[in-house]
Amino acid sequence: MSDKRGFIGNADMDENGVVYLDLRAIFPNGDVGLSRFKYHPTHPKYQEILDHLGGLKPGEMKGVPPWPEDQEG
């Protein structure tokens, strides 16, 4: 589930171009799940992640919009 702004977490990029996604899910019973994903520039989904975020620069942080229901993030 997303927050009130429509984001499911935050993304940032380090000086080496590594993208970090800190994602959360809030379940109907109130439980919260937190996960951190790390994508190196050589990762097969790296460009897909950047496209989903609308681009990202080293040192920048932005909200992560939900992925379509039929795709995984």
PDB file of N, CA and C in Angstrom:
ATOM      1  N   MET A   1       0.844  -1.187   0.000  1.00  0.00           N
ATOM      2  CA  MET A   1       0.000   0.000   0.000  1.00  0.00           C
ATOM      3  C   MET A   1       0.880   1.237   0.000  1.00  0.00           C
ATOM      4  N   SER A   2       0.358   2.309  -0.480  1.00  0.00           N
ATOM      5  CA  SER A   2       1.127   3.543  -0.552  1.00  0.00           C
ATOM      6  C   SER A   2       0.700   4.513   0.540  1.00  0.00           C
ATOM      7  N   ASP A   3       1.525   5.537   0.752  1.00  0.00           N
ATOM      8  CA  ASP A   3       1.163   6.546   1.740  1.00  0.00           C
ATOM      9  C   ASP A   3       0.201   7.562   1.115  1.00  0.00           C
ATOM     10  N   LYS A   4      -0.135   8.597   1.856  1.00  0.00           N
ATOM     11  CA  LYS A   4      -1.119   9.578   1.393  1.00  0.00           C
ATOM     12  C   LYS A   4      -0.653  10.342   0.161  1.00  0.00           C
ATOM     13  N   ARG A   5       0.651  10.400  -0.081  1.00  0.00           N
ATOM     14  CA  ARG A   5       1.167  11.079  -1.268  1.00  0.00           C
ATOM     15  C   ARG A   5       1.268  10.129  -2.448  1.00  0.00           C
ATOM     16  N   GLY A   6       0.949   8.851  -2.242  1.00  0.00           N
ATOM     17  CA  GLY A   6       1.030   7.870  -3.312  1.00  0.00           C
ATOM     18  C   GLY A   6       2.359   7.148  -3.399  1.00  0.00           C
ATOM     19  N   PHE A   7       3.263   7.367  -2.437  1.00  0.00           N
ATOM     20  CA  PHE A   7       4.569   6.728  -2.477  1.00  0.00           C
ATOM     21  C   PHE A   7       4.586   5.475  -1.613  1.00  0.00           C
ATOM     22  N   ILE A   8       5.421   4.510  -2.030  1.00  0.00           N
ATOM     23  CA  ILE A   8       5.586   3.272  -1.265  1.00  0.00           C
ATOM     24  C   ILE A   8       6.948   3.228  -0.582  1.00  0.00           C
ATOM     25  N   GLY A   9       7.672   4.335  -0.620  1.00  0.00           N
ATOM     26  CA  GLY A   9       8.970   4.400   0.019  1.00  0.00           C
ATOM     27  C   GLY A   9       9.809   5.507  -0.581  1.00  0.00           C
ATOM     28  N   ASN A  10      11.117   5.411  -0.340  1.00  0.00           N
ATOM     29  CA  ASN A  10      12.063   6.415  -0.827  1.00  0.00           C
ATOM     30  C   ASN A  10      13.179   5.748  -1.608  1.00  0.00           C
ATOM     31  N   ALA A  11      13.751   6.501  -2.537  1.00  0.00           N
ATOM     32  CA  ALA A  11      14.898   6.044  -3.313  1.00  0.00           C
ATOM     33  C   ALA A  11      15.997   7.089  -3.201  1.00  0.00           C
ATOM     34  N   ASP A  12      17.237   6.613  -3.151  1.00  0.00           N
ATOM     35  CA  ASP A  12      18.368   7.526  -3.231  1.00  0.00           C
ATOM     36  C   ASP A  12      19.496   6.837  -3.979  1.00  0.00           C
ATOM     37  N   MET A  13      20.456   7.638  -4.436  1.00  0.00           N
ATOM     38  CA  MET A  13      21.584   7.126  -5.202  1.00  0.00           C
ATOM     39  C   MET A  13      22.869   7.616  -4.552  1.00  0.00           C
ATOM     40  N   ASP A  14      23.837   6.694  -4.419  1.00  0.00           N
ATOM     41  CA  ASP A  14      25.120   7.115  -3.853  1.00  0.00           C
ATOM     42  C   ASP A  14      26.049   7.627  -4.955  1.00  0.00           C
ATOM     43  N   GLU A  15      27.257   8.039  -4.566  1.00  0.00           N
ATOM     44  CA  GLU A  15      28.193   8.644  -5.509  1.00  0.00           C
ATOM     45  C   GLU A  15      28.690   7.673  -6.576  1.00  0.00           C
ATOM     46  N   ASN A  16      28.486   6.359  -6.359  1.00  0.00           N
ATOM     47  CA  ASN A  16      28.888   5.345  -7.338  1.00  0.00           C
ATOM     48  C   ASN A  16      27.746   4.938  -8.265  1.00  0.00           C
ATOM     49  N   GLY A  17      26.605   5.605  -8.127  1.00  0.00           N
ATOM     50  CA  GLY A  17      25.461   5.289  -8.975  1.00  0.00           C
ATOM     51  C   GLY A  17      24.603   4.156  -8.457  1.00  0.00           C
ATOM     52  N   VAL A  18      24.904   3.648  -7.259  1.00  0.00           N
ATOM     53  CA  VAL A  18      24.101   2.572  -6.683  1.00  0.00           C
ATOM     54  C   VAL A  18      22.783   3.168  -6.182  1.00  0.00           C
ATOM     55  N   VAL A  19      21.682   2.534  -6.577  1.00  0.00           N
ATOM     56  CA  VAL A  19      20.352   2.993  -6.182  1.00  0.00           C
ATOM     57  C   VAL A  19      19.865   2.140  -5.010  1.00  0.00           C
ATOM     58  N   TYR A  20      19.352   2.809  -3.991  1.00  0.00           N
ATOM     59  CA  TYR A  20      18.773   2.140  -2.822  1.00  0.00           C
ATOM     60  C   TYR A  20      17.286   2.461  -2.783  1.00  0.00           C
ATOM     61  N   LEU A  21      16.472   1.429  -2.648  1.00  0.00           N
ATOM     62  CA  LEU A  21      15.036   1.597  -2.472  1.00  0.00           C
ATOM     63  C   LEU A  21      14.676   1.136  -1.075  1.00  0.00           C
ATOM     64  N   ASP A  22      14.120   2.024  -0.283  1.00  0.00           N
ATOM     65  CA  ASP A  22      13.597   1.693   1.040  1.00  0.00           C
ATOM     66  C   ASP A  22      12.083   1.693   0.904  1.00  0.00           C
ATOM     67  N   LEU A  23      11.507   0.479   0.852  1.00  0.00           N
ATOM     68  CA  LEU A  23      10.082   0.321   0.579  1.00  0.00           C
ATOM     69  C   LEU A  23       9.340  -0.169   1.806  1.00  0.00           C
ATOM     70  N   ARG A  24       8.046   0.170   1.869  1.00  0.00           N
ATOM     71  CA  ARG A  24       7.221  -0.269   2.988  1.00  0.00           C
ATOM     72  C   ARG A  24       5.855  -0.707   2.474  1.00  0.00           C
ATOM     73  N   ALA A  25       5.275  -1.613   3.211  1.00  0.00           N
ATOM     74  CA  ALA A  25       3.916  -2.067   2.930  1.00  0.00           C
ATOM     75  C   ALA A  25       3.143  -2.018   4.239  1.00  0.00           C
ATOM     76  N   ILE A  26       1.945  -1.495   4.187  1.00  0.00           N
ATOM     77  CA  ILE A  26       1.072  -1.456   5.355  1.00  0.00           C
ATOM     78  C   ILE A  26      -0.080  -2.408   5.073  1.00  0.00           C
ATOM     79  N   PHE A  27      -0.225  -3.407   5.914  1.00  0.00           N
ATOM     80  CA  PHE A  27      -1.229  -4.441   5.715  1.00  0.00           C
ATOM     81  C   PHE A  27      -2.537  -4.077   6.403  1.00  0.00           C
ATOM     82  N   PRO A  28      -3.644  -4.668   5.952  1.00  0.00           N
ATOM     83  CA  PRO A  28      -4.959  -4.338   6.529  1.00  0.00           C
ATOM     84  C   PRO A  28      -5.031  -4.501   8.050  1.00  0.00           C
ATOM     85  N   ASN A  29      -4.247  -5.424   8.608  1.00  0.00           N
ATOM     86  CA  ASN A  29      -4.286  -5.618  10.062  1.00  0.00           C
ATOM     87  C   ASN A  29      -3.406  -4.614  10.809  1.00  0.00           C
ATOM     88  N   GLY A  30      -2.757  -3.705  10.060  1.00  0.00           N
ATOM     89  CA  GLY A  30      -1.918  -2.682  10.679  1.00  0.00           C
ATOM     90  C   GLY A  30      -0.439  -3.023  10.707  1.00  0.00           C
ATOM     91  N   ASP A  31      -0.085  -4.272  10.390  1.00  0.00           N
ATOM     92  CA  ASP A  31       1.330  -4.630  10.334  1.00  0.00           C
ATOM     93  C   ASP A  31       2.027  -3.829   9.238  1.00  0.00           C
ATOM     94  N   VAL A  32       3.306  -3.550   9.461  1.00  0.00           N
ATOM     95  CA  VAL A  32       4.108  -2.813   8.492  1.00  0.00           C
ATOM     96  C   VAL A  32       5.308  -3.664   8.109  1.00  0.00           C
ATOM     97  N   GLY A  33       5.561  -3.785   6.818  1.00  0.00           N
ATOM     98  CA  GLY A  33       6.733  -4.496   6.320  1.00  0.00           C
ATOM     99  C   GLY A  33       7.693  -3.500   5.700  1.00  0.00           C
ATOM    100  N   LEU A  34       8.974  -3.625   6.029  1.00  0.00           N
ATOM    101  CA  LEU A  34      10.003  -2.731   5.497  1.00  0.00           C
ATOM    102  C   LEU A  34      11.063  -3.565   4.783  1.00  0.00           C
ATOM    103  N   SER A  35      11.512  -3.084   3.626  1.00  0.00           N
ATOM    104  CA  SER A  35      12.555  -3.775   2.859  1.00  0.00           C
ATOM    105  C   SER A  35      13.492  -2.749   2.248  1.00  0.00           C
ATOM    106  N   ARG A  36      14.749  -3.141   2.127  1.00  0.00           N
ATOM    107  CA  ARG A  36      15.742  -2.292   1.447  1.00  0.00           C
ATOM    108  C   ARG A  36      16.307  -3.089   0.287  1.00  0.00           C
ATOM    109  N   PHE A  37      16.277  -2.476  -0.901  1.00  0.00           N
ATOM    110  CA  PHE A  37      16.814  -3.090  -2.102  1.00  0.00           C
ATOM    111  C   PHE A  37      17.976  -2.236  -2.593  1.00  0.00           C
ATOM    112  N   LYS A  38      18.993  -2.902  -3.132  1.00  0.00           N
ATOM    113  CA  LYS A  38      20.198  -2.220  -3.606  1.00  0.00           C
ATOM    114  C   LYS A  38      20.422  -2.642  -5.055  1.00  0.00           C
ATOM    115  N   TYR A  39      20.512  -1.653  -5.949  1.00  0.00           N
ATOM    116  CA  TYR A  39      20.699  -1.915  -7.369  1.00  0.00           C
ATOM    117  C   TYR A  39      21.977  -1.251  -7.864  1.00  0.00           C
ATOM    118  N   HIS A  40      22.979  -2.066  -8.185  1.00  0.00           N
ATOM    119  CA  HIS A  40      24.213  -1.575  -8.780  1.00  0.00           C
ATOM    120  C   HIS A  40      23.956  -1.256 -10.252  1.00  0.00           C
ATOM    121  N   PRO A  41      24.750  -0.372 -10.848  1.00  0.00           N
ATOM    122  CA  PRO A  41      24.573  -0.046 -12.261  1.00  0.00           C
ATOM    123  C   PRO A  41      24.641  -1.260 -13.194  1.00  0.00           C
ATOM    124  N   THR A  42      25.234  -2.355 -12.755  1.00  0.00           N
ATOM    125  CA  THR A  42      25.312  -3.565 -13.584  1.00  0.00           C
ATOM    126  C   THR A  42      24.102  -4.487 -13.411  1.00  0.00           C
ATOM    127  N   HIS A  43      23.197  -4.161 -12.485  1.00  0.00           N
ATOM    128  CA  HIS A  43      22.019  -5.002 -12.246  1.00  0.00           C
ATOM    129  C   HIS A  43      21.115  -4.971 -13.482  1.00  0.00           C
ATOM    130  N   PRO A  44      20.558  -6.120 -13.872  1.00  0.00           N
ATOM    131  CA  PRO A  44      19.702  -6.173 -15.067  1.00  0.00           C
ATOM    132  C   PRO A  44      18.479  -5.239 -15.017  1.00  0.00           C
ATOM    133  N   LYS A  45      17.978  -4.920 -13.839  1.00  0.00           N
ATOM    134  CA  LYS A  45      16.798  -4.054 -13.725  1.00  0.00           C
ATOM    135  C   LYS A  45      17.147  -2.603 -13.400  1.00  0.00           C
ATOM    136  N   TYR A  46      18.423  -2.272 -13.427  1.00  0.00           N
ATOM    137  CA  TYR A  46      18.874  -0.927 -13.040  1.00  0.00           C
ATOM    138  C   TYR A  46      18.165   0.166 -13.844  1.00  0.00           C
ATOM    139  N   GLN A  47      18.200   0.067 -15.152  1.00  0.00           N
ATOM    140  CA  GLN A  47      17.586   1.110 -15.980  1.00  0.00           C
ATOM    141  C   GLN A  47      16.070   1.142 -15.795  1.00  0.00           C
ATOM    142  N   GLU A  48      15.469  -0.015 -15.626  1.00  0.00           N
ATOM    143  CA  GLU A  48      14.021  -0.085 -15.365  1.00  0.00           C
ATOM    144  C   GLU A  48      13.662   0.657 -14.078  1.00  0.00           C
ATOM    145  N   ILE A  49      14.483   0.497 -13.042  1.00  0.00           N
ATOM    146  CA  ILE A  49      14.264   1.191 -11.771  1.00  0.00           C
ATOM    147  C   ILE A  49      14.386   2.699 -11.973  1.00  0.00           C
ATOM    148  N   LEU A  50      15.452   3.128 -12.669  1.00  0.00           N
ATOM    149  CA  LEU A  50      15.631   4.556 -12.918  1.00  0.00           C
ATOM    150  C   LEU A  50      14.465   5.136 -13.718  1.00  0.00           C
ATOM    151  N   ASP A  51      13.999   4.392 -14.724  1.00  0.00           N
ATOM    152  CA  ASP A  51      12.859   4.852 -15.525  1.00  0.00           C
ATOM    153  C   ASP A  51      11.614   4.985 -14.657  1.00  0.00           C
ATOM    154  N   HIS A  52      11.394   4.017 -13.780  1.00  0.00           N
ATOM    155  CA  HIS A  52      10.225   4.055 -12.895  1.00  0.00           C
ATOM    156  C   HIS A  52      10.270   5.276 -11.976  1.00  0.00           C
ATOM    157  N   LEU A  53      11.466   5.638 -11.548  1.00  0.00           N
ATOM    158  CA  LEU A  53      11.636   6.788 -10.657  1.00  0.00           C
ATOM    159  C   LEU A  53      11.617   8.116 -11.406  1.00  0.00           C
ATOM    160  N   GLY A  54      11.681   8.073 -12.726  1.00  0.00           N
ATOM    161  CA  GLY A  54      11.771   9.304 -13.498  1.00  0.00           C
ATOM    162  C   GLY A  54      13.174   9.883 -13.465  1.00  0.00           C
ATOM    163  N   GLY A  55      14.163   9.000 -13.280  1.00  0.00           N
ATOM    164  CA  GLY A  55      15.559   9.426 -13.188  1.00  0.00           C
ATOM    165  C   GLY A  55      15.956   9.681 -11.745  1.00  0.00           C
ATOM    166  N   LEU A  56      17.247   9.643 -11.508  1.00  0.00           N
ATOM    167  CA  LEU A  56      17.788   9.870 -10.174  1.00  0.00           C
ATOM    168  C   LEU A  56      19.257  10.220 -10.340  1.00  0.00           C
ATOM    169  N   LYS A  57      19.728  11.186  -9.563  1.00  0.00           N
ATOM    170  CA  LYS A  57      21.126  11.628  -9.621  1.00  0.00           C
ATOM    171  C   LYS A  57      21.808  11.310  -8.296  1.00  0.00           C
ATOM    172  N   PRO A  58      23.134  11.159  -8.300  1.00  0.00           N
ATOM    173  CA  PRO A  58      23.842  10.929  -7.040  1.00  0.00           C
ATOM    174  C   PRO A  58      23.506  12.013  -6.017  1.00  0.00           C
ATOM    175  N   GLY A  59      23.203  11.576  -4.806  1.00  0.00           N
ATOM    176  CA  GLY A  59      22.855  12.482  -3.717  1.00  0.00           C
ATOM    177  C   GLY A  59      21.386  12.865  -3.672  1.00  0.00           C
ATOM    178  N   GLU A  60      20.636  12.540  -4.696  1.00  0.00           N
ATOM    179  CA  GLU A  60      19.212  12.881  -4.751  1.00  0.00           C
ATOM    180  C   GLU A  60      18.371  11.810  -4.054  1.00  0.00           C
ATOM    181  N   MET A  61      17.279  12.240  -3.438  1.00  0.00           N
ATOM    182  CA  MET A  61      16.316  11.317  -2.840  1.00  0.00           C
ATOM    183  C   MET A  61      14.933  11.702  -3.344  1.00  0.00           C
ATOM    184  N   LYS A  62      14.132  10.693  -3.661  1.00  0.00           N
ATOM    185  CA  LYS A  62      12.761  10.969  -4.083  1.00  0.00           C
ATOM    186  C   LYS A  62      11.859   9.823  -3.676  1.00  0.00           C
ATOM    187  N   GLY A  63      10.558  10.104  -3.694  1.00  0.00           N
ATOM    188  CA  GLY A  63       9.565   9.092  -3.373  1.00  0.00           C
ATOM    189  C   GLY A  63       9.465   8.058  -4.480  1.00  0.00           C
ATOM    190  N   VAL A  64       9.116   6.841  -4.086  1.00  0.00           N
ATOM    191  CA  VAL A  64       8.942   5.744  -5.036  1.00  0.00           C
ATOM    192  C   VAL A  64       7.447   5.528  -5.254  1.00  0.00           C
ATOM    193  N   PRO A  65       6.969   5.749  -6.485  1.00  0.00           N
ATOM    194  CA  PRO A  65       5.563   5.484  -6.751  1.00  0.00           C
ATOM    195  C   PRO A  65       5.319   3.976  -6.841  1.00  0.00           C
ATOM    196  N   PRO A  66       4.092   3.535  -6.606  1.00  0.00           N
ATOM    197  CA  PRO A  66       3.801   2.095  -6.716  1.00  0.00           C
ATOM    198  C   PRO A  66       4.020   1.598  -8.146  1.00  0.00           C
ATOM    199  N   TRP A  67       4.388   0.339  -8.247  1.00  0.00           N
ATOM    200  CA  TRP A  67       4.471  -0.312  -9.544  1.00  0.00           C
ATOM    201  C   TRP A  67       3.063  -0.762  -9.923  1.00  0.00           C
ATOM    202  N   PRO A  68       2.812  -0.937 -11.220  1.00  0.00           N
ATOM    203  CA  PRO A  68       1.519  -1.499 -11.625  1.00  0.00           C
ATOM    204  C   PRO A  68       1.314  -2.851 -10.944  1.00  0.00           C
ATOM    205  N   GLU A  69       0.079  -3.212 -10.701  1.00  0.00           N
ATOM    206  CA  GLU A  69      -0.242  -4.443  -9.968  1.00  0.00           C
ATOM    207  C   GLU A  69       0.344  -5.708 -10.612  1.00  0.00           C
ATOM    208  N   ASP A  70       0.518  -5.713 -11.923  1.00  0.00           N
ATOM    209  CA  ASP A  70       1.005  -6.926 -12.593  1.00  0.00           C
ATOM    210  C   ASP A  70       2.524  -7.004 -12.700  1.00  0.00           C
ATOM    211  N   GLN A  71       3.238  -6.074 -12.058  1.00  0.00           N
ATOM    212  CA  GLN A  71       4.700  -6.076 -12.078  1.00  0.00           C
ATOM    213  C   GLN A  71       5.243  -6.081 -10.666  1.00  0.00           C
ATOM    214  N   GLU A  72       6.463  -6.571 -10.537  1.00  0.00           N
ATOM    215  CA  GLU A  72       7.162  -6.482  -9.251  1.00  0.00           C
ATOM    216  C   GLU A  72       8.160  -5.356  -9.344  1.00  0.00           C
ATOM    217  N   GLY A  73       8.445  -4.724  -8.180  1.00  0.00           N
ATOM    218  CA  GLY A  73       9.421  -3.656  -8.131  1.00  0.00           C
ATOM    219  C   GLY A  73      10.816  -4.129  -7.936  1.00  0.00           C
TER     220      GLY A  73
END
